[in-house]
Protein backbone atom coordinates (compact mmCIF):
# COMPACT_ATOMS: atom_id res chain seq x y z
CA MET A 1 0.06 -0.28 0.20
CA SER A 2 2.35 3.60 -1.17
CA GLU A 3 1.61 6.27 0.53
CA ARG A 4 1.74 9.87 -0.52
CA ARG A 5 2.20 13.31 1.36
CA VAL A 6 1.86 16.44 1.30
CA SER A 7 2.37 20.30 3.48
CA GLY A 8 -0.47 22.59 3.03
CA GLY A 9 0.29 25.77 1.67
CA GLY A 10 1.01 27.37 -2.17
CA ARG A 11 -0.23 28.47 -5.14
CA LEU A 12 -1.30 26.54 -8.77
CA SER A 13 -0.28 28.36 -11.97
CA GLY A 14 0.77 26.99 -15.15
CA GLU A 15 -1.62 24.81 -17.24
CA VAL A 16 -2.24 21.21 -17.41
CA ARG A 17 -3.68 18.66 -19.86
CA VAL A 18 -5.78 15.87 -17.71
CA PRO A 19 -6.29 12.37 -19.03
CA GLY A 20 -8.99 11.40 -22.00
CA ASP A 21 -12.69 11.01 -20.08
CA LYS A 22 -12.53 7.56 -19.03
CA SER A 23 -16.20 7.25 -19.86
CA VAL A 24 -16.02 8.27 -23.79
CA SER A 25 -12.79 5.82 -23.64
CA HIS A 26 -14.55 2.17 -22.45
CA ARG A 27 -17.25 3.36 -24.93
CA ALA A 28 -14.61 4.09 -27.41
CA LEU A 29 -13.53 0.65 -27.67
CA ILE A 30 -16.36 -1.05 -26.53
CA PHE A 31 -18.13 0.68 -30.56
CA GLY A 32 -14.40 -0.45 -32.33
CA ALA A 33 -15.24 -3.94 -31.04
CA LEU A 34 -18.39 -4.50 -32.15
CA ALA A 35 -17.74 -1.90 -35.65
CA GLU A 36 -16.83 -3.50 -38.75
CA GLY A 37 -12.95 -2.34 -40.13
CA THR A 38 -10.67 -0.67 -37.72
CA THR A 39 -10.94 2.18 -35.35
CA GLN A 40 -8.01 4.37 -34.03
CA ILE A 41 -8.42 5.94 -30.79
CA GLU A 42 -5.96 8.57 -29.98
CA GLY A 43 -6.28 10.57 -26.42
CA LEU A 44 -7.22 6.97 -24.74
CA SER A 45 -8.06 7.42 -20.87
CA PRO A 46 -4.36 5.70 -18.88
CA GLY A 47 -6.42 4.85 -15.96
CA ALA A 48 -6.58 0.88 -14.95
CA ASP A 49 -10.78 1.18 -15.17
CA VAL A 50 -10.18 1.22 -19.16
CA ALA A 51 -7.47 -1.12 -19.33
CA SER A 52 -9.79 -3.53 -18.09
CA THR A 53 -12.23 -3.12 -20.69
CA ALA A 54 -9.00 -3.47 -22.63
CA SER A 55 -8.31 -7.13 -21.25
CA VAL A 56 -11.73 -8.55 -21.65
CA LEU A 57 -12.55 -7.29 -25.08
CA ARG A 58 -9.24 -8.83 -25.53
CA ALA A 59 -10.00 -12.05 -23.58
CA LEU A 60 -13.14 -11.71 -26.13
CA GLY A 61 -10.91 -12.56 -29.67
CA VAL A 62 -10.66 -9.07 -30.23
CA GLU A 63 -7.71 -7.24 -31.29
CA ILE A 64 -5.99 -4.07 -29.32
CA SER A 65 -2.90 -2.79 -30.48
CA GLY A 66 -0.82 0.86 -29.87
CA ALA A 67 0.81 2.14 -27.27
CA GLY A 68 -0.14 5.58 -25.27
CA GLY A 69 -2.93 7.02 -25.65
CA SER A 70 -3.66 5.65 -29.23
CA ARG A 71 -5.17 2.17 -29.71
CA SER A 72 -6.72 0.57 -32.97
CA VAL A 73 -9.45 -1.89 -32.63
CA ARG A 74 -9.98 -4.48 -34.96
CA GLY A 75 -13.40 -4.92 -35.14
CA ARG A 76 -15.26 -7.83 -35.21
CA GLY A 77 -19.23 -6.52 -35.69
CA LEU A 78 -21.78 -7.14 -34.20
CA GLY A 79 -22.44 -10.42 -32.59
CA GLY A 80 -18.71 -11.11 -33.87
CA LEU A 81 -17.00 -12.07 -30.53
CA SER A 82 -15.73 -15.37 -29.27
CA ALA A 83 -16.57 -17.41 -26.51
CA PRO A 84 -14.03 -16.67 -23.86
CA LYS A 85 -11.60 -19.49 -22.43
CA THR A 86 -12.06 -18.19 -18.65
CA GLU A 87 -14.05 -15.24 -16.34
CA LEU A 88 -14.17 -12.00 -17.68
CA ASP A 89 -11.76 -9.74 -14.91
CA ALA A 90 -13.87 -6.29 -14.61
CA GLY A 91 -11.28 -5.20 -12.04
CA ASN A 92 -12.78 -2.12 -10.19
CA SER A 93 -14.38 -1.08 -13.30
CA GLY A 94 -18.49 -1.33 -12.71
CA THR A 95 -18.61 0.75 -16.19
CA THR A 96 -16.48 -2.74 -17.93
CA MET A 97 -18.80 -4.74 -15.72
CA ARG A 98 -22.70 -3.25 -17.04
CA LEU A 99 -21.59 -2.48 -20.55
CA MET A 100 -20.04 -6.13 -21.14
CA ALA A 101 -22.45 -7.35 -19.46
CA GLY A 102 -25.39 -6.15 -21.99
CA VAL A 103 -22.74 -7.00 -25.01
CA LEU A 104 -22.45 -10.41 -24.07
CA ALA A 105 -26.62 -10.68 -23.13
CA ALA A 106 -26.25 -11.18 -27.24
CA HIS A 107 -24.29 -13.14 -28.03
CA PRO A 108 -24.87 -17.58 -28.17
CA PHE A 109 -22.01 -18.77 -25.71
CA ALA A 110 -21.76 -18.65 -22.01
CA SER A 111 -19.39 -16.21 -20.44
CA ARG A 112 -18.70 -14.86 -16.55
CA LEU A 113 -17.84 -11.87 -15.47
CA THR A 114 -16.67 -11.07 -12.22
CA GLY A 115 -14.09 -8.43 -9.89
CA ASP A 116 -12.07 -7.22 -7.18
CA ALA A 117 -13.83 -7.49 -3.62
CA SER A 118 -15.22 -4.04 -4.16
CA LEU A 119 -16.47 -4.51 -7.66
CA ARG A 120 -18.53 -7.50 -6.36
CA ARG A 121 -20.24 -5.26 -3.04
CA ARG A 122 -22.03 -3.09 -5.98
CA PRO A 123 -25.41 -3.81 -7.28
CA MET A 124 -25.53 -5.48 -11.17
CA GLU A 125 -30.09 -6.62 -10.58
CA ARG A 126 -30.36 -3.40 -11.92
CA VAL A 127 -28.77 -4.49 -15.04
CA ALA A 128 -29.88 -7.92 -14.84
CA ALA A 129 -33.42 -7.33 -14.85
CA PRO A 130 -34.06 -5.43 -17.79
CA LEU A 131 -31.43 -8.19 -19.85
CA ARG A 132 -33.13 -10.74 -18.39
CA ALA A 133 -36.33 -8.97 -19.82
CA MET A 134 -34.93 -9.07 -23.48
CA GLY A 135 -34.62 -12.49 -23.47
CA ALA A 136 -31.18 -13.33 -21.67
CA LYS A 137 -30.22 -15.82 -18.92
CA ILE A 138 -28.87 -13.67 -16.11
CA GLU A 139 -27.29 -15.02 -12.20
CA LEU A 140 -25.97 -13.18 -9.68
CA ALA A 141 -24.36 -14.05 -6.44
CA PRO A 142 -26.98 -14.05 -3.49
CA GLY A 143 -27.45 -10.22 -2.64
CA GLY A 144 -28.15 -9.47 -6.51
CA THR A 145 -24.63 -9.30 -7.33
CA ALA A 146 -21.58 -10.24 -9.45
CA PRO A 147 -20.40 -12.56 -10.43
CA ILE A 148 -22.88 -12.50 -13.69
CA ALA A 149 -23.30 -15.29 -15.14
CA ILE A 150 -24.34 -15.10 -18.49
CA ALA A 151 -26.23 -17.76 -21.04
CA GLY A 152 -26.70 -15.15 -23.85
CA GLY A 153 -28.65 -15.74 -26.96
CA ALA A 154 -31.41 -14.11 -29.65
CA LEU A 155 -32.55 -10.88 -27.69
CA ARG A 156 -35.94 -8.74 -28.29
CA GLY A 157 -36.27 -5.24 -28.37
CA VAL A 158 -37.78 -3.49 -24.98
CA GLU A 159 -39.33 -0.33 -23.88
CA TRP A 160 -36.78 0.13 -20.13
CA THR A 161 -37.23 2.79 -17.43
CA PRO A 162 -34.49 2.28 -15.12
CA GLU A 163 -35.79 2.82 -11.32
CA ALA A 164 -31.89 4.37 -10.81
CA ALA A 165 -31.04 7.78 -13.01
CA SER A 166 -27.26 5.12 -14.20
CA ALA A 167 -25.97 6.58 -17.81
CA GLN A 168 -24.30 2.57 -17.16
CA VAL A 169 -27.89 0.86 -17.12
CA LYS A 170 -28.75 2.65 -19.78
CA SER A 171 -25.99 1.89 -22.54
CA SER A 172 -25.75 -1.57 -20.88
CA ILE A 173 -30.05 -1.86 -22.34
CA LEU A 174 -28.69 -0.15 -25.99
CA LEU A 175 -25.50 -2.05 -26.54
CA ALA A 176 -27.67 -5.32 -25.88
CA GLY A 177 -30.51 -3.24 -28.55
CA LEU A 178 -28.63 -3.40 -31.25
CA HIS A 179 -28.22 -7.21 -31.59
CA ALA A 180 -31.91 -7.25 -30.75
CA ALA A 181 -34.69 -8.00 -32.85
CA GLY A 182 -37.11 -4.78 -32.98
CA ARG A 183 -36.63 -1.88 -30.95
CA THR A 184 -35.34 -0.72 -27.81
CA THR A 185 -35.90 2.44 -25.74
CA VAL A 186 -34.58 3.15 -22.43
CA VAL A 187 -36.54 6.24 -20.86
CA GLU A 188 -35.01 8.04 -17.98
CA LYS A 189 -36.72 10.14 -15.49
CA ILE A 190 -33.17 11.80 -15.00
CA PRO A 191 -31.37 12.72 -18.03
CA THR A 192 -27.49 10.88 -17.62
CA ARG A 193 -24.85 11.91 -18.95
CA ASP A 194 -24.69 10.59 -22.87
CA HIS A 195 -21.44 9.57 -24.64
CA THR A 196 -23.16 6.36 -25.26
CA GLU A 197 -25.74 7.73 -27.90
CA ARG A 198 -23.39 10.59 -29.36
CA LEU A 199 -20.67 7.86 -29.87
CA LEU A 200 -23.49 5.38 -31.33
CA ALA A 201 -24.01 8.37 -34.01
CA LEU A 202 -20.04 8.26 -34.54
CA PHE A 203 -20.15 5.24 -35.50
CA GLY A 204 -22.93 5.95 -37.70
CA ALA A 205 -26.00 3.98 -35.08
CA GLU A 206 -29.19 4.79 -36.14
CA VAL A 207 -30.11 6.59 -32.11
CA GLU A 208 -33.20 8.76 -31.54
CA ALA A 209 -33.29 10.61 -28.58
CA ARG A 210 -36.81 12.51 -27.67
CA GLY A 211 -36.95 13.84 -24.85
CA GLY A 212 -36.36 11.37 -22.11
CA ALA A 213 -36.41 8.81 -24.16
CA VAL A 214 -33.19 7.11 -26.05
CA SER A 215 -34.31 4.25 -29.63
CA VAL A 216 -32.13 2.07 -31.04
CA SER A 217 -33.27 -0.55 -33.89
CA GLY A 218 -31.07 -4.03 -33.83
CA GLY A 219 -30.11 -5.53 -37.53
CA GLY A 220 -27.97 -2.62 -38.16
CA ARG A 221 -24.33 -2.16 -38.52
CA LEU A 222 -21.44 -0.41 -37.36
CA ARG A 223 -18.81 1.30 -39.30
CA ALA A 224 -15.46 1.65 -37.28
CA ALA A 225 -14.81 5.17 -36.68
CA ARG A 226 -11.36 7.95 -35.78
CA VAL A 227 -12.32 8.79 -31.84
CA GLY A 228 -9.91 11.65 -30.40
CA VAL A 229 -11.17 11.44 -26.21
CA PRO A 230 -11.12 15.05 -25.18
CA GLY A 231 -9.97 15.15 -20.91
CA ASP A 232 -11.84 13.96 -18.42
CA PRO A 233 -13.85 16.65 -16.71
CA SER A 234 -14.02 13.97 -13.05
CA SER A 235 -10.59 14.66 -13.32
CA ALA A 236 -10.63 18.32 -14.68
CA ALA A 237 -12.88 19.71 -11.06
CA PHE A 238 -10.20 18.40 -8.58
CA TRP A 239 -7.87 21.05 -10.10
CA ALA A 240 -10.50 23.28 -10.65
CA VAL A 241 -11.62 23.43 -7.04
CA ALA A 242 -7.41 22.99 -5.91
CA ALA A 243 -6.97 26.23 -8.08
CA SER A 244 -10.01 27.86 -6.41
CA LEU A 245 -9.18 27.58 -2.90
CA LEU A 246 -5.31 28.06 -3.39
CA PRO A 247 -4.80 31.64 -3.05
CA ASP A 248 -3.39 33.96 -5.68
CA SER A 249 -3.66 30.73 -8.01
CA GLU A 250 -4.35 30.99 -11.40
CA LEU A 251 -4.57 27.86 -13.91
CA ALA A 252 -5.47 26.81 -16.93
CA VAL A 253 -7.10 23.56 -17.82
CA ARG A 254 -7.20 22.99 -21.43
CA GLY A 255 -9.05 20.25 -24.05
CA VAL A 256 -11.71 19.20 -21.56
CA CYS A 257 -14.82 17.83 -22.57
CA ALA A 258 -17.99 19.85 -22.35
CA ASN A 259 -20.53 17.86 -22.83
CA PRO A 260 -23.29 19.41 -20.32
CA ARG A 261 -24.57 16.55 -18.85
CA ARG A 262 -21.04 16.02 -17.50
CA VAL A 263 -20.13 19.48 -16.36
CA GLY A 264 -22.83 20.17 -13.44
CA PHE A 265 -20.20 20.92 -11.11
CA LEU A 266 -19.32 23.68 -13.00
CA ASN A 267 -23.04 25.15 -12.29
CA VAL A 268 -22.70 24.61 -8.39
CA LEU A 269 -18.85 25.73 -8.64
CA ALA A 270 -20.23 28.70 -9.83
CA ARG A 271 -23.03 29.91 -8.22
CA MET A 272 -20.32 29.68 -5.03
CA GLY A 273 -18.85 32.09 -7.13
CA ALA A 274 -15.65 30.72 -8.54
CA ASP A 275 -13.27 32.55 -11.15
CA LEU A 276 -13.74 30.70 -13.87
CA LYS A 277 -13.71 31.60 -17.45
CA ARG A 278 -14.50 28.69 -20.39
CA VAL A 279 -13.32 28.98 -23.90
CA PRO A 280 -14.70 26.61 -26.88
CA ALA A 281 -11.89 24.48 -28.25
CA PRO A 282 -12.60 22.21 -30.71
CA ASP A 283 -15.10 18.60 -30.54
CA GLN A 284 -13.82 15.89 -29.98
CA ALA A 285 -15.45 12.10 -30.45
CA GLY A 286 -19.09 14.14 -30.65
CA GLU A 287 -18.63 15.52 -27.56
CA PRO A 288 -18.07 20.14 -27.11
CA VAL A 289 -14.47 20.48 -25.51
CA GLU A 290 -13.05 23.63 -23.80
CA ASP A 291 -10.16 25.74 -22.39
CA TRP A 292 -10.62 26.81 -18.59
CA THR A 293 -8.89 29.33 -16.53
CA ILE A 294 -9.17 29.71 -13.17
CA ARG A 295 -8.36 31.57 -10.25
CA ALA A 296 -8.56 31.68 -6.61
CA ALA A 297 -11.53 33.32 -5.33
CA PRO A 298 -13.72 33.73 -1.75
CA LEU A 299 -16.87 30.80 -1.79
CA SER A 300 -19.81 31.02 -0.66
CA GLY A 301 -21.92 28.10 0.73
CA VAL A 302 -25.03 26.44 -2.12
CA ALA A 303 -27.45 24.19 -2.24
CA VAL A 304 -27.64 21.24 -4.74
CA ARG A 305 -30.41 19.60 -5.89
CA PRO A 306 -31.73 16.13 -6.92
CA ASP A 307 -32.34 16.34 -10.27
CA GLU A 308 -28.56 17.58 -10.98
CA VAL A 309 -27.20 14.62 -9.04
CA PRO A 310 -26.54 12.91 -12.01
CA GLY A 311 -24.74 15.35 -13.71
CA LEU A 312 -22.35 15.91 -11.19
CA VAL A 313 -22.13 13.04 -8.71
CA ASP A 314 -18.48 12.10 -9.30
CA GLU A 315 -18.05 15.22 -8.33
CA VAL A 316 -19.96 14.99 -4.77
CA PRO A 317 -16.09 14.83 -2.43
CA ILE A 318 -14.61 17.19 -4.50
CA LEU A 319 -17.36 20.04 -4.52
CA ALA A 320 -17.63 19.35 -1.16
CA LEU A 321 -14.43 19.83 -0.01
CA ALA A 322 -15.03 23.37 -1.69
CA ALA A 323 -17.95 23.67 0.63
CA SER A 324 -15.91 23.42 3.58
CA ARG A 325 -13.85 26.25 2.75
CA ALA A 326 -17.03 28.29 1.74
CA ARG A 327 -18.90 31.03 3.38
CA GLY A 328 -22.02 29.23 5.07
CA GLU A 329 -23.85 26.03 4.80
CA SER A 330 -23.69 23.75 2.05
CA VAL A 331 -26.47 20.39 1.38
CA PHE A 332 -26.30 18.39 -1.06
CA ARG A 333 -29.24 16.73 -1.64
CA GLY A 334 -30.37 13.07 -3.39
CA LEU A 335 -27.22 11.59 -2.90
CA GLY A 336 -28.41 7.66 -2.26
CA GLU A 337 -26.56 6.57 -5.83
CA LEU A 338 -23.20 7.07 -3.89
CA ARG A 339 -23.17 4.56 -1.63
CA HIS A 340 -23.26 2.50 -4.70
CA LYS A 341 -19.65 3.60 -5.95
CA GLU A 342 -16.20 2.32 -5.00
CA SER A 343 -17.31 2.80 -2.01
CA ASP A 344 -20.38 4.01 0.04
CA ARG A 345 -18.73 6.93 -1.00
CA LEU A 346 -21.73 9.67 0.82
CA ALA A 347 -20.32 8.46 4.53
CA GLY A 348 -17.06 8.42 2.69
CA THR A 349 -16.87 11.73 2.09
CA ALA A 350 -18.41 13.42 5.10
CA ALA A 351 -15.44 10.86 7.09
CA LEU A 352 -13.08 12.81 5.25
CA LEU A 353 -13.97 16.33 6.04
CA THR A 354 -14.71 15.71 9.34
CA ALA A 355 -10.68 13.98 9.44
CA PHE A 356 -9.36 17.73 8.50
CA GLY A 357 -11.84 18.95 11.10
CA ALA A 358 -14.41 20.45 8.73
CA LYS A 359 -18.38 19.81 10.15
CA ALA A 360 -19.99 17.65 7.15
CA ALA A 361 -23.04 15.43 8.25
CA VAL A 362 -24.77 12.42 6.63
CA SER A 363 -28.83 12.79 6.85
CA GLY A 364 -30.31 10.31 5.25
CA ASP A 365 -29.60 10.92 1.19
CA ASP A 366 -28.19 14.39 1.90
CA LEU A 367 -24.88 15.57 2.72
CA ILE A 368 -24.88 18.94 4.46
CA VAL A 369 -21.06 20.67 4.83
CA SER A 370 -20.52 23.71 7.13
CA GLY A 371 -18.10 26.37 5.52
CA GLY A 372 -15.65 28.21 7.18
CA ALA A 373 -12.89 25.86 8.52
CA SER A 374 -9.85 26.10 8.81
CA LEU A 375 -8.75 22.33 7.75
CA ARG A 376 -5.74 20.81 9.59
CA GLY A 377 -3.53 18.38 8.12
CA ALA A 378 -4.59 14.46 8.38
CA ALA A 379 -4.01 10.77 8.05
CA PHE A 380 -6.59 9.54 5.76
CA GLU A 381 -7.66 5.32 4.22
CA PRO A 382 -9.53 6.23 1.03
CA ARG A 383 -10.36 2.19 1.05
CA ASP A 384 -9.94 1.96 -2.39
CA ASP A 385 -12.02 4.21 -3.69
CA HIS A 386 -9.73 6.88 -6.16
CA ARG A 387 -11.87 10.24 -5.99
CA LEU A 388 -11.85 10.00 -1.80
CA ALA A 389 -7.48 9.87 -2.29
CA MET A 390 -7.66 12.42 -4.33
CA THR A 391 -10.46 14.73 -2.28
CA ALA A 392 -7.61 14.37 0.31
CA PHE A 393 -4.61 14.73 -1.22
CA VAL A 394 -6.07 18.61 -2.30
CA ALA A 395 -7.89 19.02 1.15
CA GLY A 396 -3.91 18.72 2.29
CA LEU A 397 -2.96 22.01 -0.60
CA ALA A 398 -5.26 23.71 1.61
CA ALA A 399 -4.70 22.27 5.30
CA GLU A 400 -2.44 23.71 8.00
CA GLY A 401 0.37 20.98 8.17
CA GLU A 402 1.20 18.09 7.07
CA THR A 403 -1.70 15.50 5.25
CA ARG A 404 -0.75 11.44 5.09
CA VAL A 405 -2.84 9.60 2.15
CA SER A 406 -2.39 6.04 2.21
CA GLY A 407 -3.38 3.37 0.21
CA ALA A 408 -2.81 6.28 -2.59
CA GLU A 409 -2.20 4.34 -5.58
CA CYS A 410 -5.93 3.50 -6.05
CA ALA A 411 -5.68 7.47 -8.17
CA GLU A 412 -4.21 4.84 -10.64
CA ILE A 413 -8.44 4.37 -11.20
CA SER A 414 -8.61 7.05 -13.75
CA TYR A 415 -5.53 9.71 -12.74
CA PRO A 416 -2.51 7.50 -12.60
CA ASP A 417 -0.32 10.71 -12.69
CA PHE A 418 -2.52 12.96 -10.48
CA TYR A 419 -0.36 13.17 -7.16
CA ASP A 420 2.56 14.93 -9.21
CA ASP A 421 0.63 16.04 -12.04
CA LEU A 422 -0.61 19.20 -9.08
CA LEU A 423 3.16 19.16 -7.11
CA GLU A 424 4.38 20.13 -10.09
CA ARG A 425 2.52 22.82 -10.52
CA LEU A 426 1.93 24.19 -7.20
CA SER A 427 5.20 27.37 -6.09
């Protein structure tokens, strides 16, 4: 278990490019595998989660070559994957497990998806139920968790309304629907990130998004594409908050995905009074892209509504840290989904803030943060949750004294060079 130490103080300056967006990277690999021809990907996320998706696809007969952020994926066409010789290990990646369940449900062979201890605690019935309704045979472990045993085959289209707002569940159903007879529609009560819909269009699929419904039809084809992956906004959020909190900071973050369903945290920071300038940059992978400039600024407390949460669910910990230094109280409502991340991220966020001397409490599915805290350095163990580890490191920069983050290597899930990148821009 590795440990990273940091002492409070300093300012951030210069510019940075964050790794390629994790969500787009997963989907680019999967769509490339299901397309006809060779897909070229640039800017692929270097994180361990995306590596898990690549590993699972290779075990299903997909040829993926290249190094760094450049990858070539030789597609096998819809329904063209090979039966795996062993169980498929998704590591810590819920995206890998849920999206690949939709793909495997349509293939006429048996497969088994598993993962690490954290992933095997996360709920999977939410994706198994619609796939069963489409005709797949799915078995879960007691409690509705992984491993997922799949006996796939001919599927039929369905109309499905997920109980929880989940882009992973939506994407799994749509991936299955590409292989199914008839039309498949997902009706969302609250819109979630739409990277799947955007990439479906890029790969030549007919996808219809109207109101809260997204539909695909089976029997078509996907065509290989060139995919430039924009920077990950969830990774960029740590920079935005760090530069806002550290006095005299001025930092540029280049080439960030600005998908409206991914940057809800920017709306929250704006309401808090953050000094953040957004300038459009060329689109990538069908996604809007921006360059940001962030300057240190005093912040005020904020109320976050439940309908905002799907657009900022991964950024709650770092926003809560910003709230702990803001003037007044902040309330984040409707955070129940955070209980089903790499850890119970809702309880973990409250514990993190408390460890650094802030006041935070969980009430039902809400997080209440008292602002104006004078943070003090702390020893923190993130329980294998990369968002909490990275938040703790930023908290250490804003705190008095030394901070020690144990188990810090879990940041490799999404941003392997985060700590070093941050320290290099600190003066």
